[in-house]
Structures are given as C-alpha cells and as structure tokens.
C-alpha cells in the first residue's frame, strides 16, 4: 500500500491510477475524491503528513536534486537530441551539466523516465517507449466494456501509475520493475485476447 511507504512518487502514481480508472468507470465518484482525500489527510500519521507536505518544498534536498537533474537533462537533450549520450553514460556526463547548487555531484540516472530515455538513447527510443504505452492503453480501452474489463482496467491503472511515478523516478533503472512491467503487460494482453475472458482478437483465430 502507498501509505506504507515514504516514496512520494508511489503515492502520486497510485492516486493517478485510481483517478484514471474512476474517470472511465464511475466518473460521478470523483466528486467524493476531495472529501475522501481531506479525511485521509486529517487522520494520517504525522510522519506521513510531513512527508506529503514536503512534496511542495522546492528547497527540500531530494526535491531540489530532482529539479537540478531535470534542468541538466534538458541541457543534455539539447546537445544530443537524436542519439543521446549512449547507454549508462548519463551518470558519467552529468557532472558537466549539473548546477552548482545540485545536492549530488554524481547520480545513477535523471530520476525521470522521459528525460532519462531521451538523454541516454535518443528521440527514437523515447518514441518507442511512448508508442508502447499508447498502443497498450488503446488495447485496454477497446476491451473496456467487454468480458475482460477487469484486465483492461488493471492494465490502464498499471500504465498510468507507472508513467506518472516515472515523472519523479526512472522506473526502468531497476530491472525488477522493468521485467515486472513486461510480465504484467503480457498477462493483460493475453487475457484480453483469450476467448474465455473476452471477445478475442480475430487475428488469433483461424477460420473454420
């Protein structure tokens, strides 16, 4: 559960995933979102409340670090927009682009999926990543009201949650996350196309 971790990007991703599913399934329930959030914030532990408030503090160390990494990432992309600097080279070249007040001199990655992919591997790699998300969500939306709706909703929730969390962390920096994402995508797609779960994809059926 997101309330059990101090990782703020997980909170934001989780909330965004719930919002996306409710937007398509029960949009009227979104009217209760603000009161529910207010009640949750009122009774949440003080340690979690302090952590949540820190999201808006741009001088907080981890926040400032991400801001400076984003600024450096934009500069790297301006210099290497087509092919990027190459796999695993962002952490090597970052000291040349960091601002003087950046908390860390060396970083493992840019803590932003879009910036990291573009800066490291170029515009084609970024386009491939975005196309993967768009095509996957399109398949889920097509099956939204069918027998496989549970898998379609789970697919949208996972994609939105991961993409939003990836604005504050490079989710693919950990192979565990990367492989889990691919496994979940495959599981959802297979069940969207299986006859016993949905209408199936005609391309997978042979004419009798």
Protein backbone atom coordinates (compact mmCIF):
# COMPACT_ATOMS: atom_id res chain seq x y z
CA UNK A 1 0.00 0.00 0.00
CA UNK A 2 1.27 3.50 -0.81
CA UNK A 3 0.54 4.77 2.70
CA UNK A 4 3.04 2.22 4.00
CA UNK A 5 5.99 3.70 2.14
CA UNK A 6 7.68 7.09 2.25
CA UNK A 7 8.25 7.06 -1.50
CA UNK A 8 6.19 10.02 -2.66
CA UNK A 9 6.24 9.13 -6.35
CA UNK A 10 4.43 5.90 -5.45
CA UNK A 11 1.70 7.89 -3.74
CA UNK A 12 1.22 10.14 -6.75
CA UNK A 13 1.27 7.23 -9.19
CA UNK A 14 -1.22 5.23 -7.13
CA UNK A 15 -3.64 8.15 -6.83
CA UNK A 16 -3.35 8.86 -10.57
CA UNK A 17 -4.10 5.20 -11.35
CA UNK A 18 -7.26 5.27 -9.21
CA UNK A 19 -8.34 8.55 -10.81
CA UNK A 20 -7.86 7.13 -14.33
CA UNK A 21 -9.97 4.03 -13.60
CA UNK A 22 -12.74 6.02 -11.90
CA UNK A 23 -12.78 8.51 -14.76
CA UNK A 24 -13.80 5.74 -17.16
CA UNK A 25 -15.88 3.54 -14.85
CA UNK A 26 -17.55 5.72 -12.22
CA UNK A 27 -16.94 9.39 -13.04
CA UNK A 28 -19.59 10.51 -10.54
CA UNK A 29 -17.47 9.08 -7.71
CA UNK A 30 -14.79 11.66 -8.49
CA UNK A 31 -17.00 14.20 -6.71
CA UNK A 32 -16.15 12.33 -3.49
CA UNK A 33 -12.44 12.39 -4.18
CA UNK A 34 -11.75 15.73 -2.50
CA UNK A 35 -13.71 14.95 0.73
CA UNK A 36 -12.15 11.48 0.91
CA UNK A 37 -8.68 12.91 0.47
CA UNK A 38 -9.36 15.54 3.13
CA UNK A 39 -10.49 12.89 5.62
CA UNK A 40 -7.48 10.73 4.82
CA UNK A 41 -5.07 13.64 5.30
CA UNK A 42 -6.77 14.64 8.56
CA UNK A 43 -6.26 11.25 10.18
CA UNK A 44 -2.97 10.18 8.59
CA UNK A 45 0.08 9.74 10.86
CA UNK A 46 2.11 12.90 11.40
CA UNK A 47 5.20 11.34 9.85
CA UNK A 48 3.34 10.64 6.62
CA UNK A 49 1.71 14.08 6.69
CA UNK A 50 5.11 15.76 6.97
CA UNK A 51 6.39 13.64 4.12
CA UNK A 52 3.40 14.60 1.97
CA UNK A 53 3.81 18.34 2.67
CA UNK A 54 7.46 18.08 1.69
CA UNK A 55 6.35 17.44 -1.91
CA UNK A 56 5.75 21.18 -2.30
CA UNK A 57 9.06 22.29 -0.79
CA UNK A 58 11.38 23.03 -3.73
CA UNK A 59 14.34 23.56 -1.38
CA UNK A 60 13.97 20.15 0.23
CA UNK A 61 17.09 18.19 -0.74
CA UNK A 62 15.55 15.39 -2.77
CA UNK A 63 13.15 17.80 -4.49
CA UNK A 64 15.93 20.22 -5.37
CA UNK A 65 18.05 17.31 -6.56
CA UNK A 66 15.31 16.24 -9.00
CA UNK A 67 14.79 19.80 -10.23
CA UNK A 68 18.50 20.20 -10.93
CA UNK A 69 18.62 16.77 -12.61
CA UNK A 70 15.70 17.76 -14.85
CA UNK A 71 17.44 21.01 -15.81
CA UNK A 72 20.64 19.15 -16.59
CA UNK A 73 18.69 16.55 -18.54
CA UNK A 74 17.13 19.22 -20.75
CA UNK A 75 20.59 20.62 -21.47
CA UNK A 76 21.93 17.16 -22.33
CA UNK A 77 19.00 16.59 -24.70
CA UNK A 78 19.65 19.92 -26.40
CA UNK A 79 23.22 18.84 -27.11
CA UNK A 80 22.38 15.22 -28.04
CA UNK A 81 18.75 15.21 -29.25
CA UNK A 82 18.90 12.43 -31.83
CA UNK A 83 21.01 9.60 -30.41
CA UNK A 84 21.53 10.64 -26.80
CA UNK A 85 24.80 10.12 -24.98
CA UNK A 86 24.62 6.34 -25.03
CA UNK A 87 23.59 3.63 -22.53
CA UNK A 88 24.85 4.21 -18.98
CA UNK A 89 26.62 7.43 -19.99
CA UNK A 90 24.23 9.92 -18.41
CA UNK A 91 25.75 9.38 -14.96
CA UNK A 92 29.21 9.93 -16.45
CA UNK A 93 28.36 13.17 -18.25
CA UNK A 94 26.05 14.62 -15.61
CA UNK A 95 28.81 16.43 -13.63
CA UNK A 96 29.46 18.53 -16.74
CA UNK A 97 25.85 19.75 -16.78
CA UNK A 98 24.92 19.94 -13.10
CA UNK A 99 24.11 23.27 -11.49
CA UNK A 100 26.42 24.47 -8.76
CA UNK A 101 23.77 24.02 -6.05
CA UNK A 102 22.74 20.50 -7.04
CA UNK A 103 22.89 18.32 -3.90
CA UNK A 104 24.74 15.45 -5.57
CA UNK A 105 27.77 15.60 -7.82
CA UNK A 106 27.14 12.16 -9.34
CA UNK A 107 23.82 10.45 -9.90
CA UNK A 108 22.81 6.99 -11.20
CA UNK A 109 20.16 8.45 -13.53
CA UNK A 110 17.96 11.53 -14.02
CA UNK A 111 15.02 10.33 -11.88
CA UNK A 112 12.63 10.96 -14.77
CA UNK A 113 11.78 8.22 -17.26
CA UNK A 114 11.14 10.52 -20.23
CA UNK A 115 14.27 12.61 -19.71
CA UNK A 116 16.45 9.60 -18.97
CA UNK A 117 15.40 7.63 -22.06
CA UNK A 118 15.75 10.65 -24.34
CA UNK A 119 19.07 11.83 -22.92
CA UNK A 120 20.54 8.33 -22.84
CA UNK A 121 19.19 6.71 -26.01
CA UNK A 122 17.77 9.47 -28.19
CA UNK A 123 14.45 10.53 -29.66
CA UNK A 124 13.74 7.18 -31.37
CA UNK A 125 13.94 5.31 -28.06
CA UNK A 126 11.62 7.84 -26.41
CA UNK A 127 9.14 7.49 -29.29
CA UNK A 128 9.23 3.70 -28.90
CA UNK A 129 8.54 3.97 -25.16
CA UNK A 130 5.60 6.33 -25.66
CA UNK A 131 4.23 4.23 -28.53
CA UNK A 132 4.32 1.14 -26.31
CA UNK A 133 2.22 2.91 -23.67
CA UNK A 134 -0.24 4.34 -26.21
CA UNK A 135 -0.79 1.04 -28.05
CA UNK A 136 -1.18 -0.87 -24.79
CA UNK A 137 -3.74 1.58 -23.41
CA UNK A 138 -5.59 1.52 -26.75
CA UNK A 139 -5.98 -2.25 -26.47
CA UNK A 140 -7.25 -1.90 -22.92
CA UNK A 141 -9.77 0.79 -23.89
CA UNK A 142 -11.08 -1.38 -26.74
CA UNK A 143 -11.82 -4.16 -24.24
CA UNK A 144 -13.07 -1.83 -21.51
CA UNK A 145 -16.73 -2.87 -21.64
CA UNK A 146 -16.18 -6.47 -22.63
CA UNK A 147 -15.83 -9.67 -20.60
CA UNK A 148 -12.15 -8.87 -19.97
CA UNK A 149 -12.88 -5.50 -18.41
CA UNK A 150 -11.07 -6.39 -15.17
CA UNK A 151 -7.84 -6.96 -17.08
CA UNK A 152 -8.42 -3.83 -19.17
CA UNK A 153 -8.90 -1.70 -16.06
CA UNK A 154 -5.86 -3.23 -14.39
CA UNK A 155 -3.81 -2.50 -17.50
CA UNK A 156 -4.82 1.15 -17.59
CA UNK A 157 -4.22 1.56 -13.85
CA UNK A 158 -0.75 0.00 -14.06
CA UNK A 159 0.25 2.04 -17.10
CA UNK A 160 -0.97 5.36 -15.72
CA UNK A 161 0.50 4.71 -12.28
CA UNK A 162 3.89 3.74 -13.65
CA UNK A 163 4.01 6.60 -16.17
CA UNK A 164 3.11 9.22 -13.56
CA UNK A 165 5.51 7.80 -10.96
CA UNK A 166 8.12 7.83 -13.70
CA UNK A 167 7.99 11.61 -13.81
CA UNK A 168 9.86 11.60 -10.49
CA UNK A 169 11.87 8.40 -10.75
CA UNK A 170 13.47 6.37 -13.55
CA UNK A 171 11.38 3.25 -13.08
CA UNK A 172 13.39 1.20 -15.54
CA UNK A 173 16.57 1.84 -13.61
CA UNK A 174 15.65 -1.30 -11.65
CA UNK A 175 15.39 -4.49 -13.68
CA UNK A 176 12.79 -5.79 -11.22
CA UNK A 177 10.39 -3.02 -12.24
CA UNK A 178 11.20 -3.38 -15.92
CA UNK A 179 10.61 -7.14 -16.04
CA UNK A 180 7.50 -6.85 -13.87
CA UNK A 181 6.07 -4.27 -16.26
CA UNK A 182 6.67 -6.51 -19.28
CA UNK A 183 5.18 -9.51 -17.47
CA UNK A 184 2.06 -7.57 -16.48
CA UNK A 185 1.65 -6.14 -19.99
CA UNK A 186 1.91 -9.65 -21.46
CA UNK A 187 -0.55 -11.07 -18.91
CA UNK A 188 -3.11 -8.37 -19.66
CA UNK A 189 -2.79 -8.64 -23.45
CA UNK A 190 -3.06 -12.44 -23.40
CA UNK A 191 -6.22 -12.31 -21.32
CA UNK A 192 -7.74 -9.61 -23.49
CA UNK A 193 -7.36 -11.91 -26.47
CA UNK A 194 -8.31 -15.23 -24.93
CA UNK A 195 -11.79 -16.36 -25.85
CA UNK A 196 -12.83 -17.37 -22.35
CA UNK A 197 -12.00 -13.89 -20.99
CA UNK A 198 -13.14 -11.69 -23.85
CA UNK A 199 -14.29 -11.47 -27.38
CA UNK A 200 -10.80 -12.37 -28.59
CA UNK A 201 -8.78 -10.90 -31.39
CA UNK A 202 -9.91 -12.25 -34.76
CA UNK A 203 -6.28 -12.30 -35.86
CA UNK A 204 -5.64 -15.11 -33.39
CA UNK A 205 -8.50 -17.30 -34.66
CA UNK A 206 -8.40 -19.49 -37.74
CA UNK A 207 -11.43 -19.58 -39.94
CA UNK A 208 -13.18 -22.93 -39.94
